[in-house]
C-alpha cells in the first residue's frame, strides 16, 4: 500500500487500517471467527504506528508524489476450507507540512529540524 499526495502542497500522511472478516455473503463477522487470525505490521521504516493506532509516514510527501515502500505486511491464518476472507481497508488523510505547527496541533506529533515526524 502506498499513498499518493493529490494536493498542491507538501503534506504529511497518516492512515487508519480497518480489518474485518467477511463471509461468502459479504457480511462482516461480529467477532473473530474461531481459528482465524491476522497480523498487520509496518513493512517500511518510513512508516510507524502511533499509540493512537494510526500509521504515520515520517516525512512530508511532495504534491503528486507517493509514499515510498509499502505501508503494511499482512499475514493471515485460517482453517480450510475457508468460510471467511480478511478485508483490509486503508483510510488515509493528509495535512499540510508547513507551518509545522499545523501537523503538531492537528495530530499531536512533533516535527524535528529536518521535517521528520516524531510520533508517540
PDB file of N, CA and C in Angstrom:
ATOM      1  N   UNK A   1       0.851  -1.178   0.000  1.00  0.00           N
ATOM      2  CA  UNK A   1       0.000   0.000   0.000  1.00  0.00           C
ATOM      3  C   UNK A   1       0.890   1.231   0.000  1.00  0.00           C
ATOM      4  N   UNK A   2       0.652   2.095  -0.944  1.00  0.00           N
ATOM      5  CA  UNK A   2       1.299   3.397  -0.987  1.00  0.00           C
ATOM      6  C   UNK A   2       0.204   4.455  -1.050  1.00  0.00           C
ATOM      7  N   UNK A   3       0.512   5.659  -0.555  1.00  0.00           N
ATOM      8  CA  UNK A   3      -0.467   6.740  -0.541  1.00  0.00           C
ATOM      9  C   UNK A   3       0.076   7.891  -1.377  1.00  0.00           C
ATOM     10  N   UNK A   4      -0.757   8.399  -2.281  1.00  0.00           N
ATOM     11  CA  UNK A   4      -0.363   9.499  -3.151  1.00  0.00           C
ATOM     12  C   UNK A   4      -0.900  10.823  -2.610  1.00  0.00           C
ATOM     13  N   UNK A   5      -0.050  11.844  -2.626  1.00  0.00           N
ATOM     14  CA  UNK A   5      -0.461  13.198  -2.260  1.00  0.00           C
ATOM     15  C   UNK A   5      -1.087  13.828  -3.507  1.00  0.00           C
ATOM     16  N   UNK A   6      -2.400  13.936  -3.515  1.00  0.00           N
ATOM     17  CA  UNK A   6      -3.098  14.511  -4.663  1.00  0.00           C
ATOM     18  C   UNK A   6      -3.292  16.020  -4.519  1.00  0.00           C
ATOM     19  N   UNK A   7      -2.754  16.583  -3.445  1.00  0.00           N
ATOM     20  CA  UNK A   7      -2.883  18.015  -3.205  1.00  0.00           C
ATOM     21  C   UNK A   7      -1.862  18.827  -3.984  1.00  0.00           C
ATOM     22  N   UNK A   8      -1.833  20.120  -3.691  1.00  0.00           N
ATOM     23  CA  UNK A   8      -0.941  21.041  -4.394  1.00  0.00           C
ATOM     24  C   UNK A   8       0.226  21.514  -3.532  1.00  0.00           C
ATOM     25  N   UNK A   9       0.313  21.036  -2.284  1.00  0.00           N
ATOM     26  CA  UNK A   9       1.418  21.387  -1.400  1.00  0.00           C
ATOM     27  C   UNK A   9       1.935  20.115  -0.716  1.00  0.00           C
ATOM     28  N   UNK A  10       3.157  20.175  -0.208  1.00  0.00           N
ATOM     29  CA  UNK A  10       3.712  19.040   0.526  1.00  0.00           C
ATOM     30  C   UNK A  10       2.857  18.764   1.753  1.00  0.00           C
ATOM     31  N   UNK A  11       2.722  17.486   2.069  1.00  0.00           N
ATOM     32  CA  UNK A  11       1.832  17.118   3.171  1.00  0.00           C
ATOM     33  C   UNK A  11       2.366  15.910   3.920  1.00  0.00           C
ATOM     34  N   UNK A  12       2.008  15.847   5.199  1.00  0.00           N
ATOM     35  CA  UNK A  12       2.237  14.645   5.994  1.00  0.00           C
ATOM     36  C   UNK A  12       1.035  13.726   5.781  1.00  0.00           C
ATOM     37  N   UNK A  13       1.285  12.427   5.834  1.00  0.00           N
ATOM     38  CA  UNK A  13       0.245  11.423   5.588  1.00  0.00           C
ATOM     39  C   UNK A  13       0.125  10.530   6.820  1.00  0.00           C
ATOM     40  N   UNK A  14      -1.106  10.202   7.180  1.00  0.00           N
ATOM     41  CA  UNK A  14      -1.329   9.158   8.170  1.00  0.00           C
ATOM     42  C   UNK A  14      -2.475   8.292   7.668  1.00  0.00           C
ATOM     43  N   UNK A  15      -2.527   7.073   8.166  1.00  0.00           N
ATOM     44  CA  UNK A  15      -3.535   6.138   7.686  1.00  0.00           C
ATOM     45  C   UNK A  15      -4.123   5.337   8.838  1.00  0.00           C
ATOM     46  N   UNK A  16      -5.402   5.081   8.739  1.00  0.00           N
ATOM     47  CA  UNK A  16      -6.086   4.173   9.651  1.00  0.00           C
ATOM     48  C   UNK A  16      -6.341   2.882   8.879  1.00  0.00           C
ATOM     49  N   UNK A  17      -6.249   1.771   9.560  1.00  0.00           N
ATOM     50  CA  UNK A  17      -6.463   0.479   8.924  1.00  0.00           C
ATOM     51  C   UNK A  17      -7.660  -0.187   9.597  1.00  0.00           C
ATOM     52  N   UNK A  18      -8.616  -0.604   8.775  1.00  0.00           N
ATOM     53  CA  UNK A  18      -9.816  -1.269   9.267  1.00  0.00           C
ATOM     54  C   UNK A  18      -9.829  -2.677   8.679  1.00  0.00           C
ATOM     55  N   UNK A  19      -9.801  -3.677   9.554  1.00  0.00           N
ATOM     56  CA  UNK A  19      -9.784  -5.070   9.105  1.00  0.00           C
ATOM     57  C   UNK A  19     -11.029  -5.784   9.615  1.00  0.00           C
ATOM     58  N   UNK A  20     -11.674  -6.527   8.727  1.00  0.00           N
ATOM     59  CA  UNK A  20     -12.871  -7.290   9.069  1.00  0.00           C
ATOM     60  C   UNK A  20     -12.836  -8.645   8.375  1.00  0.00           C
ATOM     61  N   UNK A  21     -13.404  -9.637   9.043  1.00  0.00           N
ATOM     62  CA  UNK A  21     -13.612 -10.942   8.420  1.00  0.00           C
ATOM     63  C   UNK A  21     -14.970 -10.902   7.724  1.00  0.00           C
ATOM     64  N   UNK A  22     -14.991 -11.296   6.442  1.00  0.00           N
ATOM     65  CA  UNK A  22     -16.185 -11.234   5.605  1.00  0.00           C
ATOM     66  C   UNK A  22     -16.573 -12.655   5.184  1.00  0.00           C
ATOM     67  N   UNK A  23     -17.874 -12.992   5.322  1.00  0.00           N
ATOM     68  CA  UNK A  23     -18.300 -14.329   4.906  1.00  0.00           C
ATOM     69  C   UNK A  23     -18.643 -14.332   3.407  1.00  0.00           C
ATOM     70  N   UNK A  24     -19.066 -15.469   2.876  1.00  0.00           N
ATOM     71  CA  UNK A  24     -19.327 -15.607   1.438  1.00  0.00           C
ATOM     72  C   UNK A  24     -20.484 -14.727   0.967  1.00  0.00           C
ATOM     73  N   UNK A  25     -21.357 -14.311   1.889  1.00  0.00           N
ATOM     74  CA  UNK A  25     -22.466 -13.412   1.539  1.00  0.00           C
ATOM     75  C   UNK A  25     -22.100 -11.945   1.736  1.00  0.00           C
ATOM     76  N   UNK A  26     -20.808 -11.683   1.989  1.00  0.00           N
ATOM     77  CA  UNK A  26     -20.262 -10.344   2.203  1.00  0.00           C
ATOM     78  C   UNK A  26     -20.763  -9.687   3.487  1.00  0.00           C
ATOM     79  N   UNK A  27     -21.097 -10.502   4.473  1.00  0.00           N
ATOM     80  CA  UNK A  27     -21.455  -9.999   5.800  1.00  0.00           C
ATOM     81  C   UNK A  27     -20.198  -9.930   6.657  1.00  0.00           C
ATOM     82  N   UNK A  28     -20.103  -8.904   7.484  1.00  0.00           N
ATOM     83  CA  UNK A  28     -18.982  -8.762   8.400  1.00  0.00           C
ATOM     84  C   UNK A  28     -19.244  -9.613   9.639  1.00  0.00           C
ATOM     85  N   UNK A  29     -18.261 -10.413  10.012  1.00  0.00           N
ATOM     86  CA  UNK A  29     -18.387 -11.236  11.222  1.00  0.00           C
ATOM     87  C   UNK A  29     -18.399 -10.319  12.448  1.00  0.00           C
ATOM     88  N   UNK A  30     -19.273 -10.613  13.399  1.00  0.00           N
ATOM     89  CA  UNK A  30     -19.400  -9.792  14.606  1.00  0.00           C
ATOM     90  C   UNK A  30     -18.176  -9.918  15.509  1.00  0.00           C
ATOM     91  N   UNK A  31     -17.492 -11.047  15.429  1.00  0.00           N
ATOM     92  CA  UNK A  31     -16.273 -11.263  16.199  1.00  0.00           C
ATOM     93  C   UNK A  31     -15.334 -12.116  15.345  1.00  0.00           C
ATOM     94  N   UNK A  32     -14.115 -12.271  15.796  1.00  0.00           N
ATOM     95  CA  UNK A  32     -13.146 -13.063  15.035  1.00  0.00           C
ATOM     96  C   UNK A  32     -13.598 -14.522  15.038  1.00  0.00           C
ATOM     97  N   UNK A  33     -13.799 -15.094  13.850  1.00  0.00           N
ATOM     98  CA  UNK A  33     -14.219 -16.494  13.792  1.00  0.00           C
ATOM     99  C   UNK A  33     -13.158 -17.418  14.389  1.00  0.00           C
ATOM    100  N   UNK A  34     -13.619 -18.498  15.006  1.00  0.00           N
ATOM    101  CA  UNK A  34     -12.706 -19.449  15.637  1.00  0.00           C
ATOM    102  C   UNK A  34     -11.719 -20.000  14.609  1.00  0.00           C
ATOM    103  N   UNK A  35     -10.436 -19.978  14.977  1.00  0.00           N
ATOM    104  CA  UNK A  35      -9.382 -20.496  14.112  1.00  0.00           C
ATOM    105  C   UNK A  35      -8.812 -19.482  13.131  1.00  0.00           C
ATOM    106  N   UNK A  36      -9.357 -18.277  13.109  1.00  0.00           N
ATOM    107  CA  UNK A  36      -8.905 -17.235  12.188  1.00  0.00           C
ATOM    108  C   UNK A  36      -8.079 -16.198  12.950  1.00  0.00           C
ATOM    109  N   UNK A  37      -7.033 -15.698  12.319  1.00  0.00           N
ATOM    110  CA  UNK A  37      -6.235 -14.617  12.909  1.00  0.00           C
ATOM    111  C   UNK A  37      -5.467 -13.901  11.805  1.00  0.00           C
ATOM    112  N   UNK A  38      -4.993 -12.714  12.127  1.00  0.00           N
ATOM    113  CA  UNK A  38      -4.156 -11.964  11.187  1.00  0.00           C
ATOM    114  C   UNK A  38      -3.195 -11.099  11.981  1.00  0.00           C
ATOM    115  N   UNK A  39      -2.124 -10.679  11.308  1.00  0.00           N
ATOM    116  CA  UNK A  39      -1.135  -9.809  11.919  1.00  0.00           C
ATOM    117  C   UNK A  39      -0.760  -8.741  10.905  1.00  0.00           C
ATOM    118  N   UNK A  40      -0.951  -7.481  11.259  1.00  0.00           N
ATOM    119  CA  UNK A  40      -0.565  -6.353  10.413  1.00  0.00           C
ATOM    120  C   UNK A  40       0.659  -5.691  11.023  1.00  0.00           C
ATOM    121  N   UNK A  41       1.700  -5.515  10.234  1.00  0.00           N
ATOM    122  CA  UNK A  41       2.903  -4.843  10.719  1.00  0.00           C
ATOM    123  C   UNK A  41       3.383  -3.835   9.685  1.00  0.00           C
ATOM    124  N   UNK A  42       4.029  -2.783  10.168  1.00  0.00           N
ATOM    125  CA  UNK A  42       4.657  -1.827   9.254  1.00  0.00           C
ATOM    126  C   UNK A  42       5.741  -2.562   8.483  1.00  0.00           C
ATOM    127  N   UNK A  43       5.757  -2.387   7.179  1.00  0.00           N
ATOM    128  CA  UNK A  43       6.751  -3.104   6.394  1.00  0.00           C
ATOM    129  C   UNK A  43       7.843  -2.182   5.875  1.00  0.00           C
ATOM    130  N   UNK A  44       7.832  -0.943   6.318  1.00  0.00           N
ATOM    131  CA  UNK A  44       8.826   0.026   5.872  1.00  0.00           C
ATOM    132  C   UNK A  44       9.245   0.881   7.051  1.00  0.00           C
ATOM    133  N   UNK A  45      10.507   1.225   7.126  1.00  0.00           N
ATOM    134  CA  UNK A  45      10.996   2.095   8.182  1.00  0.00           C
ATOM    135  C   UNK A  45      10.483   3.519   8.063  1.00  0.00           C
ATOM    136  N   UNK A  46       9.856   3.849   6.939  1.00  0.00           N
ATOM    137  CA  UNK A  46       9.311   5.187   6.742  1.00  0.00           C
ATOM    138  C   UNK A  46       7.958   5.364   7.403  1.00  0.00           C
ATOM    139  N   UNK A  47       7.307   4.249   7.793  1.00  0.00           N
ATOM    140  CA  UNK A  47       6.025   4.281   8.460  1.00  0.00           C
ATOM    141  C   UNK A  47       6.203   3.823   9.901  1.00  0.00           C
ATOM    142  N   UNK A  48       5.483   4.447  10.835  1.00  0.00           N
ATOM    143  CA  UNK A  48       5.450   3.976  12.223  1.00  0.00           C
ATOM    144  C   UNK A  48       4.013   4.020  12.701  1.00  0.00           C
ATOM    145  N   UNK A  49       3.700   3.134  13.636  1.00  0.00           N
ATOM    146  CA  UNK A  49       2.373   3.140  14.222  1.00  0.00           C
ATOM    147  C   UNK A  49       2.414   3.905  15.533  1.00  0.00           C
ATOM    148  N   UNK A  50       1.524   4.867  15.663  1.00  0.00           N
ATOM    149  CA  UNK A  50       1.430   5.643  16.893  1.00  0.00           C
ATOM    150  C   UNK A  50       0.593   4.932  17.930  1.00  0.00           C
ATOM    151  N   UNK A  51       0.662   5.403  19.165  1.00  0.00           N
ATOM    152  CA  UNK A  51      -0.127   4.813  20.238  1.00  0.00           C
ATOM    153  C   UNK A  51      -1.623   5.042  20.013  1.00  0.00           C
ATOM    154  N   UNK A  52      -1.967   5.971  19.117  1.00  0.00           N
ATOM    155  CA  UNK A  52      -3.373   6.233  18.786  1.00  0.00           C
ATOM    156  C   UNK A  52      -3.916   5.258  17.742  1.00  0.00           C
ATOM    157  N   UNK A  53      -3.071   4.336  17.256  1.00  0.00           N
ATOM    158  CA  UNK A  53      -3.498   3.342  16.278  1.00  0.00           C
ATOM    159  C   UNK A  53      -3.279   3.745  14.836  1.00  0.00           C
ATOM    160  N   UNK A  54      -3.038   5.025  14.564  1.00  0.00           N
ATOM    161  CA  UNK A  54      -2.771   5.470  13.205  1.00  0.00           C
ATOM    162  C   UNK A  54      -1.357   5.072  12.784  1.00  0.00           C
ATOM    163  N   UNK A  55      -1.169   4.893  11.476  1.00  0.00           N
ATOM    164  CA  UNK A  55       0.154   4.680  10.888  1.00  0.00           C
ATOM    165  C   UNK A  55       0.584   6.011  10.273  1.00  0.00           C
ATOM    166  N   UNK A  56       1.780   6.482  10.642  1.00  0.00           N
ATOM    167  CA  UNK A  56       2.270   7.782  10.189  1.00  0.00           C
ATOM    168  C   UNK A  56       3.444   7.605   9.240  1.00  0.00           C
ATOM    169  N   UNK A  57       3.403   8.328   8.107  1.00  0.00           N
ATOM    170  CA  UNK A  57       4.549   8.397   7.217  1.00  0.00           C
ATOM    171  C   UNK A  57       5.416   9.522   7.761  1.00  0.00           C
ATOM    172  N   UNK A  58       6.680   9.260   8.018  1.00  0.00           N
ATOM    173  CA  UNK A  58       7.506  10.176   8.806  1.00  0.00           C
ATOM    174  C   UNK A  58       7.968  11.445   8.102  1.00  0.00           C
ATOM    175  N   UNK A  59       7.951  11.461   6.781  1.00  0.00           N
ATOM    176  CA  UNK A  59       8.431  12.631   6.041  1.00  0.00           C
ATOM    177  C   UNK A  59       7.324  13.232   5.190  1.00  0.00           C
ATOM    178  N   UNK A  60       7.410  14.534   4.896  1.00  0.00           N
ATOM    179  CA  UNK A  60       6.401  15.137   4.025  1.00  0.00           C
ATOM    180  C   UNK A  60       6.469  14.519   2.621  1.00  0.00           C
ATOM    181  N   UNK A  61       5.328  14.456   1.974  1.00  0.00           N
ATOM    182  CA  UNK A  61       5.232  13.924   0.615  1.00  0.00           C
ATOM    183  C   UNK A  61       4.912  15.082  -0.320  1.00  0.00           C
ATOM    184  N   UNK A  62       5.703  15.225  -1.373  1.00  0.00           N
ATOM    185  CA  UNK A  62       5.533  16.320  -2.327  1.00  0.00           C
ATOM    186  C   UNK A  62       4.226  16.165  -3.112  1.00  0.00           C
ATOM    187  N   UNK A  63       3.710  17.263  -3.643  1.00  0.00           N
ATOM    188  CA  UNK A  63       2.489  17.177  -4.454  1.00  0.00           C
ATOM    189  C   UNK A  63       2.690  16.205  -5.624  1.00  0.00           C
ATOM    190  N   UNK A  64       1.744  15.325  -5.830  1.00  0.00           N
ATOM    191  CA  UNK A  64       1.820  14.364  -6.929  1.00  0.00           C
ATOM    192  C   UNK A  64       2.681  13.152  -6.648  1.00  0.00           C
ATOM    193  N   UNK A  65       3.419  13.162  -5.551  1.00  0.00           N
ATOM    194  CA  UNK A  65       4.300  12.036  -5.207  1.00  0.00           C
ATOM    195  C   UNK A  65       3.562  11.061  -4.289  1.00  0.00           C
ATOM    196  N   UNK A  66       4.162   9.881  -4.123  1.00  0.00           N
ATOM    197  CA  UNK A  66       3.597   8.857  -3.258  1.00  0.00           C
ATOM    198  C   UNK A  66       4.576   8.498  -2.154  1.00  0.00           C
ATOM    199  N   UNK A  67       4.050   7.924  -1.094  1.00  0.00           N
ATOM    200  CA  UNK A  67       4.906   7.409  -0.037  1.00  0.00           C
ATOM    201  C   UNK A  67       5.758   6.291  -0.623  1.00  0.00           C
ATOM    202  N   UNK A  68       6.950   6.109  -0.082  1.00  0.00           N
ATOM    203  CA  UNK A  68       7.843   5.069  -0.581  1.00  0.00           C
ATOM    204  C   UNK A  68       7.701   3.819   0.259  1.00  0.00           C
ATOM    205  N   UNK A  69       7.926   2.692  -0.351  1.00  0.00           N
ATOM    206  CA  UNK A  69       7.800   1.432   0.367  1.00  0.00           C
ATOM    207  C   UNK A  69       6.342   1.122   0.633  1.00  0.00           C
ATOM    208  N   UNK A  70       6.079  -0.057   1.077  1.00  0.00           N
ATOM    209  CA  UNK A  70       4.712  -0.461   1.361  1.00  0.00           C
ATOM    210  C   UNK A  70       4.391  -0.205   2.825  1.00  0.00           C
ATOM    211  N   UNK A  71       3.182   0.244   3.088  1.00  0.00           N
ATOM    212  CA  UNK A  71       2.749   0.536   4.447  1.00  0.00           C
ATOM    213  C   UNK A  71       2.698  -0.715   5.307  1.00  0.00           C
ATOM    214  N   UNK A  72       2.061  -1.773   4.818  1.00  0.00           N
ATOM    215  CA  UNK A  72       1.784  -2.925   5.663  1.00  0.00           C
ATOM    216  C   UNK A  72       2.205  -4.247   5.049  1.00  0.00           C
ATOM    217  N   UNK A  73       2.511  -5.159   5.944  1.00  0.00           N
ATOM    218  CA  UNK A  73       2.615  -6.567   5.607  1.00  0.00           C
ATOM    219  C   UNK A  73       1.533  -7.259   6.413  1.00  0.00           C
ATOM    220  N   UNK A  74       0.795  -8.130   5.774  1.00  0.00           N
ATOM    221  CA  UNK A  74      -0.303  -8.805   6.447  1.00  0.00           C
ATOM    222  C   UNK A  74      -0.122 -10.308   6.318  1.00  0.00           C
ATOM    223  N   UNK A  75      -0.171 -10.995   7.439  1.00  0.00           N
ATOM    224  CA  UNK A  75      -0.159 -12.451   7.421  1.00  0.00           C
ATOM    225  C   UNK A  75      -1.483 -12.932   8.008  1.00  0.00           C
ATOM    226  N   UNK A  76      -2.024 -13.979   7.398  1.00  0.00           N
ATOM    227  CA  UNK A  76      -3.333 -14.494   7.769  1.00  0.00           C
ATOM    228  C   UNK A  76      -3.214 -15.975   8.084  1.00  0.00           C
ATOM    229  N   UNK A  77      -3.913 -16.400   9.125  1.00  0.00           N
ATOM    230  CA  UNK A  77      -4.015 -17.824   9.459  1.00  0.00           C
ATOM    231  C   UNK A  77      -5.498 -18.170   9.526  1.00  0.00           C
ATOM    232  N   UNK A  78      -5.875 -19.240   8.825  1.00  0.00           N
ATOM    233  CA  UNK A  78      -7.275 -19.641   8.838  1.00  0.00           C
ATOM    234  C   UNK A  78      -7.402 -21.116   8.475  1.00  0.00           C
ATOM    235  N   UNK A  79      -8.490 -21.718   8.920  1.00  0.00           N
ATOM    236  CA  UNK A  79      -8.692 -23.139   8.640  1.00  0.00           C
ATOM    237  C   UNK A  79      -9.136 -23.364   7.195  1.00  0.00           C
ATOM    238  N   UNK A  80      -9.016 -24.574   6.733  1.00  0.00           N
ATOM    239  CA  UNK A  80      -9.536 -24.962   5.420  1.00  0.00           C
ATOM    240  C   UNK A  80     -10.730 -25.868   5.635  1.00  0.00           C
ATOM    241  N   UNK A  81     -11.771 -25.799   4.903  1.00  0.00           N
ATOM    242  CA  UNK A  81     -11.993 -24.779   3.871  1.00  0.00           C
ATOM    243  C   UNK A  81     -12.303 -23.429   4.521  1.00  0.00           C
ATOM    244  N   UNK A  82     -11.947 -22.386   3.821  1.00  0.00           N
ATOM    245  CA  UNK A  82     -12.166 -21.029   4.333  1.00  0.00           C
ATOM    246  C   UNK A  82     -13.636 -20.657   4.231  1.00  0.00           C
ATOM    247  N   UNK A  83     -14.157 -20.149   5.319  1.00  0.00           N
ATOM    248  CA  UNK A  83     -15.527 -19.630   5.323  1.00  0.00           C
ATOM    249  C   UNK A  83     -15.532 -18.101   5.335  1.00  0.00           C
ATOM    250  N   UNK A  84     -14.376 -17.514   5.672  1.00  0.00           N
ATOM    251  CA  UNK A  84     -14.258 -16.063   5.756  1.00  0.00           C
ATOM    252  C   UNK A  84     -13.012 -15.600   5.019  1.00  0.00           C
ATOM    253  N   UNK A  85     -13.063 -14.359   4.553  1.00  0.00           N
ATOM    254  CA  UNK A  85     -11.934 -13.710   3.909  1.00  0.00           C
ATOM    255  C   UNK A  85     -11.634 -12.436   4.685  1.00  0.00           C
ATOM    256  N   UNK A  86     -10.358 -12.115   4.828  1.00  0.00           N
ATOM    257  CA  UNK A  86      -9.995 -10.882   5.517  1.00  0.00           C
ATOM    258  C   UNK A  86     -10.101  -9.706   4.552  1.00  0.00           C
ATOM    259  N   UNK A  87     -10.826  -8.680   4.965  1.00  0.00           N
ATOM    260  CA  UNK A  87     -10.935  -7.437   4.206  1.00  0.00           C
ATOM    261  C   UNK A  87     -10.150  -6.375   4.969  1.00  0.00           C
ATOM    262  N   UNK A  88      -9.188  -5.743   4.304  1.00  0.00           N
ATOM    263  CA  UNK A  88      -8.378  -4.702   4.930  1.00  0.00           C
ATOM    264  C   UNK A  88      -8.552  -3.412   4.134  1.00  0.00           C
ATOM    265  N   UNK A  89      -9.063  -2.389   4.794  1.00  0.00           N
ATOM    266  CA  UNK A  89      -9.238  -1.089   4.158  1.00  0.00           C
ATOM    267  C   UNK A  89      -8.263  -0.100   4.784  1.00  0.00           C
ATOM    268  N   UNK A  90      -7.631   0.710   3.935  1.00  0.00           N
ATOM    269  CA  UNK A  90      -6.703   1.736   4.392  1.00  0.00           C
ATOM    270  C   UNK A  90      -7.339   3.087   4.103  1.00  0.00           C
ATOM    271  N   UNK A  91      -7.530   3.868   5.160  1.00  0.00           N
ATOM    272  CA  UNK A  91      -8.127   5.189   5.053  1.00  0.00           C
ATOM    273  C   UNK A  91      -7.053   6.216   5.369  1.00  0.00           C
ATOM    274  N   UNK A  92      -6.646   6.971   4.354  1.00  0.00           N
ATOM    275  CA  UNK A  92      -5.532   7.910   4.520  1.00  0.00           C
ATOM    276  C   UNK A  92      -6.041   9.342   4.579  1.00  0.00           C
ATOM    277  N   UNK A  93      -5.291  10.158   5.316  1.00  0.00           N
ATOM    278  CA  UNK A  93      -5.557  11.584   5.358  1.00  0.00           C
ATOM    279  C   UNK A  93      -4.231  12.328   5.333  1.00  0.00           C
ATOM    280  N   UNK A  94      -4.303  13.576   4.913  1.00  0.00           N
ATOM    281  CA  UNK A  94      -3.096  14.389   4.786  1.00  0.00           C
ATOM    282  C   UNK A  94      -3.321  15.738   5.441  1.00  0.00           C
ATOM    283  N   UNK A  95      -2.203  16.349   5.838  1.00  0.00           N
ATOM    284  CA  UNK A  95      -2.244  17.706   6.387  1.00  0.00           C
ATOM    285  C   UNK A  95      -0.999  18.432   5.891  1.00  0.00           C
ATOM    286  N   UNK A  96      -1.145  19.704   5.615  1.00  0.00           N
ATOM    287  CA  UNK A  96      -0.032  20.497   5.100  1.00  0.00           C
ATOM    288  C   UNK A  96       1.196  20.353   5.981  1.00  0.00           C
ATOM    289  N   UNK A  97       2.362  20.384   5.334  1.00  0.00           N
ATOM    290  CA  UNK A  97       3.607  20.208   6.094  1.00  0.00           C
ATOM    291  C   UNK A  97       4.157  21.524   6.643  1.00  0.00           C
ATOM    292  N   UNK A  98       3.708  22.648   6.094  1.00  0.00           N
ATOM    293  CA  UNK A  98       4.154  23.943   6.613  1.00  0.00           C
ATOM    294  C   UNK A  98       2.944  24.832   6.862  1.00  0.00           C
ATOM    295  N   UNK A  99       2.938  25.552   7.949  1.00  0.00           N
ATOM    296  CA  UNK A  99       3.935  25.537   9.008  1.00  0.00           C
ATOM    297  C   UNK A  99       3.838  24.240   9.816  1.00  0.00           C
ATOM    298  N   UNK A 100       4.936  23.875  10.451  1.00  0.00           N
ATOM    299  CA  UNK A 100       4.988  22.641  11.235  1.00  0.00           C
ATOM    300  C   UNK A 100       3.939  22.630  12.340  1.00  0.00           C
ATOM    301  N   UNK A 101       3.553  23.799  12.797  1.00  0.00           N
ATOM    302  CA  UNK A 101       2.547  23.873  13.866  1.00  0.00           C
ATOM    303  C   UNK A 101       1.216  23.264  13.439  1.00  0.00           C
ATOM    304  N   UNK A 102       0.927  23.235  12.137  1.00  0.00           N
ATOM    305  CA  UNK A 102      -0.353  22.686  11.660  1.00  0.00           C
ATOM    306  C   UNK A 102      -0.461  21.205  12.007  1.00  0.00           C
ATOM    307  N   UNK A 103       0.578  20.435  11.689  1.00  0.00           N
ATOM    308  CA  UNK A 103       0.538  18.997  11.979  1.00  0.00           C
ATOM    309  C   UNK A 103       0.696  18.735  13.477  1.00  0.00           C
ATOM    310  N   UNK A 104       1.491  19.556  14.149  1.00  0.00           N
ATOM    311  CA  UNK A 104       1.660  19.392  15.601  1.00  0.00           C
ATOM    312  C   UNK A 104       0.321  19.538  16.319  1.00  0.00           C
ATOM    313  N   UNK A 105      -0.424  20.568  15.973  1.00  0.00           N
ATOM    314  CA  UNK A 105      -1.697  20.836  16.635  1.00  0.00           C
ATOM    315  C   UNK A 105      -2.772  19.827  16.242  1.00  0.00           C
ATOM    316  N   UNK A 106      -2.838  19.466  14.978  1.00  0.00           N
ATOM    317  CA  UNK A 106      -3.900  18.581  14.495  1.00  0.00           C
ATOM    318  C   UNK A 106      -3.698  17.133  14.928  1.00  0.00           C
ATOM    319  N   UNK A 107      -2.462  16.662  14.899  1.00  0.00           N
ATOM    320  CA  UNK A 107      -2.199  15.236  15.145  1.00  0.00           C
ATOM    321  C   UNK A 107      -1.428  14.968  16.434  1.00  0.00           C
ATOM    322  N   UNK A 108      -1.058  16.015  17.174  1.00  0.00           N
ATOM    323  CA  UNK A 108      -0.321  15.859  18.427  1.00  0.00           C
ATOM    324  C   UNK A 108       0.977  15.072  18.232  1.00  0.00           C
ATOM    325  N   UNK A 109       1.762  15.492  17.250  1.00  0.00           N
ATOM    326  CA  UNK A 109       3.066  14.902  16.968  1.00  0.00           C
ATOM    327  C   UNK A 109       4.111  16.009  17.025  1.00  0.00           C
ATOM    328  N   UNK A 110       5.368  15.628  17.027  1.00  0.00           N
ATOM    329  CA  UNK A 110       6.460  16.599  16.995  1.00  0.00           C
ATOM    330  C   UNK A 110       7.127  16.535  15.624  1.00  0.00           C
ATOM    331  N   UNK A 111       7.755  17.628  15.229  1.00  0.00           N
ATOM    332  CA  UNK A 111       8.487  17.691  13.963  1.00  0.00           C
ATOM    333  C   UNK A 111       9.895  18.169  14.282  1.00  0.00           C
ATOM    334  N   UNK A 112      10.910  17.394  13.858  1.00  0.00           N
ATOM    335  CA  UNK A 112      12.287  17.802  14.145  1.00  0.00           C
ATOM    336  C   UNK A 112      12.774  18.809  13.112  1.00  0.00           C
ATOM    337  N   UNK A 113      14.001  19.264  13.241  1.00  0.00           N
ATOM    338  CA  UNK A 113      14.583  20.288  12.357  1.00  0.00           C
ATOM    339  C   UNK A 113      14.672  19.874  10.903  1.00  0.00           C
ATOM    340  N   UNK A 114      14.679  18.553  10.633  1.00  0.00           N
ATOM    341  CA  UNK A 114      14.734  18.047   9.258  1.00  0.00           C
ATOM    342  C   UNK A 114      13.346  17.769   8.702  1.00  0.00           C
ATOM    343  N   UNK A 115      12.292  18.101   9.447  1.00  0.00           N
ATOM    344  CA  UNK A 115      10.935  17.887   8.982  1.00  0.00           C
ATOM    345  C   UNK A 115      10.409  16.490   9.220  1.00  0.00           C
ATOM    346  N   UNK A 116      11.121  15.684   9.994  1.00  0.00           N
ATOM    347  CA  UNK A 116      10.700  14.304  10.267  1.00  0.00           C
ATOM    348  C   UNK A 116       9.774  14.281  11.487  1.00  0.00           C
ATOM    349  N   UNK A 117       8.675  13.507  11.351  1.00  0.00           N
ATOM    350  CA  UNK A 117       7.731  13.394  12.458  1.00  0.00           C
ATOM    351  C   UNK A 117       8.280  12.523  13.574  1.00  0.00           C
ATOM    352  N   UNK A 118       7.920  12.874  14.785  1.00  0.00           N
ATOM    353  CA  UNK A 118       8.173  12.039  15.953  1.00  0.00           C
ATOM    354  C   UNK A 118       6.805  11.732  16.544  1.00  0.00           C
ATOM    355  N   UNK A 119       6.458  10.446  16.553  1.00  0.00           N
ATOM    356  CA  UNK A 119       5.110  10.021  16.906  1.00  0.00           C
ATOM    357  C   UNK A 119       5.140   9.266  18.233  1.00  0.00           C
ATOM    358  N   UNK A 120       4.169   9.548  19.074  1.00  0.00           N
ATOM    359  CA  UNK A 120       4.031   8.807  20.345  1.00  0.00           C
ATOM    360  C   UNK A 120       3.325   7.507  20.116  1.00  0.00           C
TER     361      UNK A 120
END
